[in-house]
Amino acid sequence: MRHCLNPTCCQPNPDHHQFCYKCGNPLLLRGRYWAKEVIGEGGFGRTFLAVDEDQPSKPFCMIKQFLPQNLDPKELPKALELFEQEAQQLEILGKHPQIPELFAHFVENNQSYLIQEFINGITLKEELKNHGVFSEKQIREII
């Protein structure tokens, strides 16, 4: 399924669709990335498991959409600034094995996006649930 990236829609669509059947929004970002499923949502955005159509193997990647929710309009510029700083930091950190690589950062249809490497594995939340609080030694190993 391809998820619509229109913040007011987010409707799943069949894989072969180029436009959302509900709102008509294009389903491909920059003509190459499409959202497969929502994998996270928070106060400043929504994260999707995505597919990069430009690569021969059609690898997974992540789309992070700036989508502040329940935010005072006065705080919106600061939230957008933090999103921009995240993109800058990801670019600086480069190809660290513990940090997803930044592939792209752009604005499309008045929405800001980050496209990042997808690193398959369990989340920190799942790790804490399965194994409890980490010791100082374990934290140092992760870092």
C-alpha atoms as a PDB file:
ATOM      1  CA  MET A   1       0.000   0.000   0.000  1.00  0.00           C
ATOM      2  CA  ARG A   2       1.081   3.579  -0.667  1.00  0.00           C
ATOM      3  CA  HIS A   3       0.123   6.075   2.020  1.00  0.00           C
ATOM      4  CA  CYS A   4      -0.963   9.552   1.068  1.00  0.00           C
ATOM      5  CA  LEU A   5       1.351  12.208   2.535  1.00  0.00           C
ATOM      6  CA  ASN A   6      -1.361  14.850   2.665  1.00  0.00           C
ATOM      7  CA  PRO A   7      -1.481  15.622   6.427  1.00  0.00           C
ATOM      8  CA  THR A   8      -5.282  15.704   6.414  1.00  0.00           C
ATOM      9  CA  CYS A   9      -5.641  12.446   4.476  1.00  0.00           C
ATOM     10  CA  CYS A  10      -2.932   9.770   5.032  1.00  0.00           C
ATOM     11  CA  GLN A  11      -5.166   7.320   3.150  1.00  0.00           C
ATOM     12  CA  PRO A  12      -3.611   3.973   2.090  1.00  0.00           C
ATOM     13  CA  ASN A  13      -3.741   3.387  -1.680  1.00  0.00           C
ATOM     14  CA  PRO A  14      -2.955   0.373  -3.886  1.00  0.00           C
ATOM     15  CA  ASP A  15       0.746   0.027  -4.806  1.00  0.00           C
ATOM     16  CA  HIS A  16       0.290   0.929  -8.467  1.00  0.00           C
ATOM     17  CA  HIS A  17      -1.493   4.263  -7.797  1.00  0.00           C
ATOM     18  CA  GLN A  18       0.356   7.512  -8.532  1.00  0.00           C
ATOM     19  CA  PHE A  19      -2.271   9.763  -6.886  1.00  0.00           C
ATOM     20  CA  CYS A  20      -4.388   9.335  -3.772  1.00  0.00           C
ATOM     21  CA  TYR A  21      -7.833   8.113  -4.730  1.00  0.00           C
ATOM     22  CA  LYS A  22      -9.376  10.074  -1.833  1.00  0.00           C
ATOM     23  CA  CYS A  23      -7.747  13.534  -2.114  1.00  0.00           C
ATOM     24  CA  GLY A  24      -5.818  13.429  -5.415  1.00  0.00           C
ATOM     25  CA  ASN A  25      -2.455  14.195  -3.771  1.00  0.00           C
ATOM     26  CA  PRO A  26       0.614  12.774  -5.602  1.00  0.00           C
ATOM     27  CA  LEU A  27       1.885   9.638  -3.833  1.00  0.00           C
ATOM     28  CA  LEU A  28       5.519   9.984  -4.965  1.00  0.00           C
ATOM     29  CA  LEU A  29       7.832  12.557  -3.414  1.00  0.00           C
ATOM     30  CA  ARG A  30      10.274  13.996  -5.930  1.00  0.00           C
ATOM     31  CA  GLY A  31       8.961  11.358  -8.318  1.00  0.00           C
ATOM     32  CA  ARG A  32      10.876   8.646  -6.479  1.00  0.00           C
ATOM     33  CA  TYR A  33       9.920   8.059  -2.804  1.00  0.00           C
ATOM     34  CA  TRP A  34       6.614   6.577  -1.656  1.00  0.00           C
ATOM     35  CA  ALA A  35       5.349   5.895   1.847  1.00  0.00           C
ATOM     36  CA  LYS A  36       4.614   2.241   2.565  1.00  0.00           C
ATOM     37  CA  GLU A  37       3.445   2.464   6.191  1.00  0.00           C
ATOM     38  CA  VAL A  38       3.537   4.733   9.229  1.00  0.00           C
ATOM     39  CA  ILE A  39       6.278   3.599  11.642  1.00  0.00           C
ATOM     40  CA  GLY A  40       6.245   6.502  14.074  1.00  0.00           C
ATOM     41  CA  GLU A  41       4.388   9.613  15.041  1.00  0.00           C
ATOM     42  CA  GLY A  42       5.162  12.343  17.528  1.00  0.00           C
ATOM     43  CA  GLY A  43       4.655  15.974  18.368  1.00  0.00           C
ATOM     44  CA  PHE A  44       6.658  17.298  15.418  1.00  0.00           C
ATOM     45  CA  GLY A  45       6.113  14.769  12.694  1.00  0.00           C
ATOM     46  CA  ARG A  46       5.255  11.446  11.189  1.00  0.00           C
ATOM     47  CA  THR A  47       7.751   8.824  10.012  1.00  0.00           C
ATOM     48  CA  PHE A  48       7.066   6.349   7.243  1.00  0.00           C
ATOM     49  CA  LEU A  49       8.788   3.234   6.032  1.00  0.00           C
ATOM     50  CA  ALA A  50       9.260   4.132   2.373  1.00  0.00           C
ATOM     51  CA  VAL A  51      10.560   2.812  -0.936  1.00  0.00           C
ATOM     52  CA  ASP A  52      13.086   4.524  -3.218  1.00  0.00           C
ATOM     53  CA  GLU A  53      11.873   3.903  -6.775  1.00  0.00           C
ATOM     54  CA  ASP A  54      15.058   5.367  -8.327  1.00  0.00           C
ATOM     55  CA  GLN A  55      17.286   2.552  -7.108  1.00  0.00           C
ATOM     56  CA  PRO A  56      17.295  -0.738  -9.049  1.00  0.00           C
ATOM     57  CA  SER A  57      16.666  -2.835  -5.929  1.00  0.00           C
ATOM     58  CA  LYS A  58      13.855  -0.512  -4.726  1.00  0.00           C
ATOM     59  CA  PRO A  59      15.358  -0.350  -1.210  1.00  0.00           C
ATOM     60  CA  PHE A  60      13.532   0.759   1.895  1.00  0.00           C
ATOM     61  CA  CYS A  61      14.232   4.186   3.310  1.00  0.00           C
ATOM     62  CA  MET A  62      12.417   6.478   5.749  1.00  0.00           C
ATOM     63  CA  ILE A  63      10.361   9.564   5.084  1.00  0.00           C
ATOM     64  CA  LYS A  64      10.184  11.943   8.023  1.00  0.00           C
ATOM     65  CA  GLN A  65       7.450  14.515   7.489  1.00  0.00           C
ATOM     66  CA  PHE A  66       7.427  17.741   9.505  1.00  0.00           C
ATOM     67  CA  LEU A  67       3.911  17.728  10.896  1.00  0.00           C
ATOM     68  CA  PRO A  68       3.593  19.607  14.189  1.00  0.00           C
ATOM     69  CA  GLN A  69       0.452  18.738  16.107  1.00  0.00           C
ATOM     70  CA  ASN A  70      -1.262  20.677  18.879  1.00  0.00           C
ATOM     71  CA  LEU A  71       1.371  23.382  18.592  1.00  0.00           C
ATOM     72  CA  ASP A  72       0.816  27.021  19.469  1.00  0.00           C
ATOM     73  CA  PRO A  73       1.183  28.954  16.178  1.00  0.00           C
ATOM     74  CA  LYS A  74       3.801  31.153  17.886  1.00  0.00           C
ATOM     75  CA  GLU A  75       5.961  28.043  18.412  1.00  0.00           C
ATOM     76  CA  LEU A  76       5.781  26.878  14.778  1.00  0.00           C
ATOM     77  CA  PRO A  77       8.883  28.800  13.575  1.00  0.00           C
ATOM     78  CA  LYS A  78      10.976  27.323  16.399  1.00  0.00           C
ATOM     79  CA  ALA A  79       9.700  23.801  15.653  1.00  0.00           C
ATOM     80  CA  LEU A  80      10.581  24.217  11.973  1.00  0.00           C
ATOM     81  CA  GLU A  81      14.013  25.532  12.963  1.00  0.00           C
ATOM     82  CA  LEU A  82      14.590  22.394  15.071  1.00  0.00           C
ATOM     83  CA  PHE A  83      13.550  20.197  12.140  1.00  0.00           C
ATOM     84  CA  GLU A  84      16.029  22.052   9.913  1.00  0.00           C
ATOM     85  CA  GLN A  85      18.751  21.655  12.553  1.00  0.00           C
ATOM     86  CA  GLU A  86      18.070  17.922  12.652  1.00  0.00           C
ATOM     87  CA  ALA A  87      18.731  17.748   8.899  1.00  0.00           C
ATOM     88  CA  GLN A  88      21.972  19.706   9.314  1.00  0.00           C
ATOM     89  CA  GLN A  89      23.147  17.454  12.153  1.00  0.00           C
ATOM     90  CA  LEU A  90      22.352  14.301  10.199  1.00  0.00           C
ATOM     91  CA  GLU A  91      24.389  15.617   7.278  1.00  0.00           C
ATOM     92  CA  ILE A  92      27.337  16.430   9.559  1.00  0.00           C
ATOM     93  CA  LEU A  93      27.270  13.016  11.238  1.00  0.00           C
ATOM     94  CA  GLY A  94      27.621  11.378   7.836  1.00  0.00           C
ATOM     95  CA  LYS A  95      27.789   7.613   7.743  1.00  0.00           C
ATOM     96  CA  HIS A  96      28.011   6.660  11.417  1.00  0.00           C
ATOM     97  CA  PRO A  97      26.813   3.024  11.722  1.00  0.00           C
ATOM     98  CA  GLN A  98      24.372   3.873  14.547  1.00  0.00           C
ATOM     99  CA  ILE A  99      22.764   6.889  12.857  1.00  0.00           C
ATOM    100  CA  PRO A 100      20.627   6.747   9.712  1.00  0.00           C
ATOM    101  CA  GLU A 101      22.261   8.540   6.803  1.00  0.00           C
ATOM    102  CA  LEU A 102      20.483  11.597   5.424  1.00  0.00           C
ATOM    103  CA  PHE A 103      19.656  11.051   1.736  1.00  0.00           C
ATOM    104  CA  ALA A 104      17.617  14.193   1.072  1.00  0.00           C
ATOM    105  CA  HIS A 105      16.027  17.210   2.712  1.00  0.00           C
ATOM    106  CA  PHE A 106      13.441  19.256   0.816  1.00  0.00           C
ATOM    107  CA  VAL A 107      10.085  21.018   0.796  1.00  0.00           C
ATOM    108  CA  GLU A 108       7.328  19.733  -1.462  1.00  0.00           C
ATOM    109  CA  ASN A 109       3.655  20.753  -1.483  1.00  0.00           C
ATOM    110  CA  ASN A 110       4.422  23.176   1.396  1.00  0.00           C
ATOM    111  CA  GLN A 111       5.631  20.272   3.592  1.00  0.00           C
ATOM    112  CA  SER A 112       9.186  19.717   4.841  1.00  0.00           C
ATOM    113  CA  TYR A 113      10.680  16.242   4.526  1.00  0.00           C
ATOM    114  CA  LEU A 114      13.793  14.306   5.457  1.00  0.00           C
ATOM    115  CA  ILE A 115      14.639  11.119   3.572  1.00  0.00           C
ATOM    116  CA  GLN A 116      16.871   8.834   5.605  1.00  0.00           C
ATOM    117  CA  GLU A 117      18.472   5.437   5.457  1.00  0.00           C
ATOM    118  CA  PHE A 118      16.320   2.665   6.900  1.00  0.00           C
ATOM    119  CA  ILE A 119      18.181   0.564   9.458  1.00  0.00           C
ATOM    120  CA  ASN A 120      16.266  -2.618  10.156  1.00  0.00           C
ATOM    121  CA  GLY A 121      16.152  -3.789  13.753  1.00  0.00           C
ATOM    122  CA  ILE A 122      14.339  -3.346  17.010  1.00  0.00           C
ATOM    123  CA  THR A 123      13.703   0.088  18.473  1.00  0.00           C
ATOM    124  CA  LEU A 124      15.184   1.386  21.688  1.00  0.00           C
ATOM    125  CA  LYS A 125      11.690   1.259  23.180  1.00  0.00           C
ATOM    126  CA  GLU A 126      11.422  -2.461  22.311  1.00  0.00           C
ATOM    127  CA  GLU A 127      14.904  -3.110  23.686  1.00  0.00           C
ATOM    128  CA  LEU A 128      13.984  -1.464  27.000  1.00  0.00           C
ATOM    129  CA  LYS A 129      10.744  -3.435  27.151  1.00  0.00           C
ATOM    130  CA  ASN A 130      12.573  -6.726  26.505  1.00  0.00           C
ATOM    131  CA  HIS A 131      15.660  -6.185  28.661  1.00  0.00           C
ATOM    132  CA  GLY A 132      14.866  -3.388  31.113  1.00  0.00           C
ATOM    133  CA  VAL A 133      16.989  -0.377  31.984  1.00  0.00           C
ATOM    134  CA  PHE A 134      20.562  -0.429  30.671  1.00  0.00           C
ATOM    135  CA  SER A 135      23.610  -0.368  32.890  1.00  0.00           C
ATOM    136  CA  GLU A 136      26.229   2.351  32.389  1.00  0.00           C
ATOM    137  CA  LYS A 137      28.436  -0.187  30.602  1.00  0.00           C
ATOM    138  CA  GLN A 138      25.631  -1.109  28.173  1.00  0.00           C
ATOM    139  CA  ILE A 139      24.924   2.570  27.456  1.00  0.00           C
ATOM    140  CA  ARG A 140      28.600   3.190  26.682  1.00  0.00           C
ATOM    141  CA  GLU A 141      28.619   0.195  24.311  1.00  0.00           C
ATOM    142  CA  ILE A 142      25.600   1.563  22.457  1.00  0.00           C
ATOM    143  CA  ILE A 143      27.106   5.023  22.175  1.00  0.00           C
END
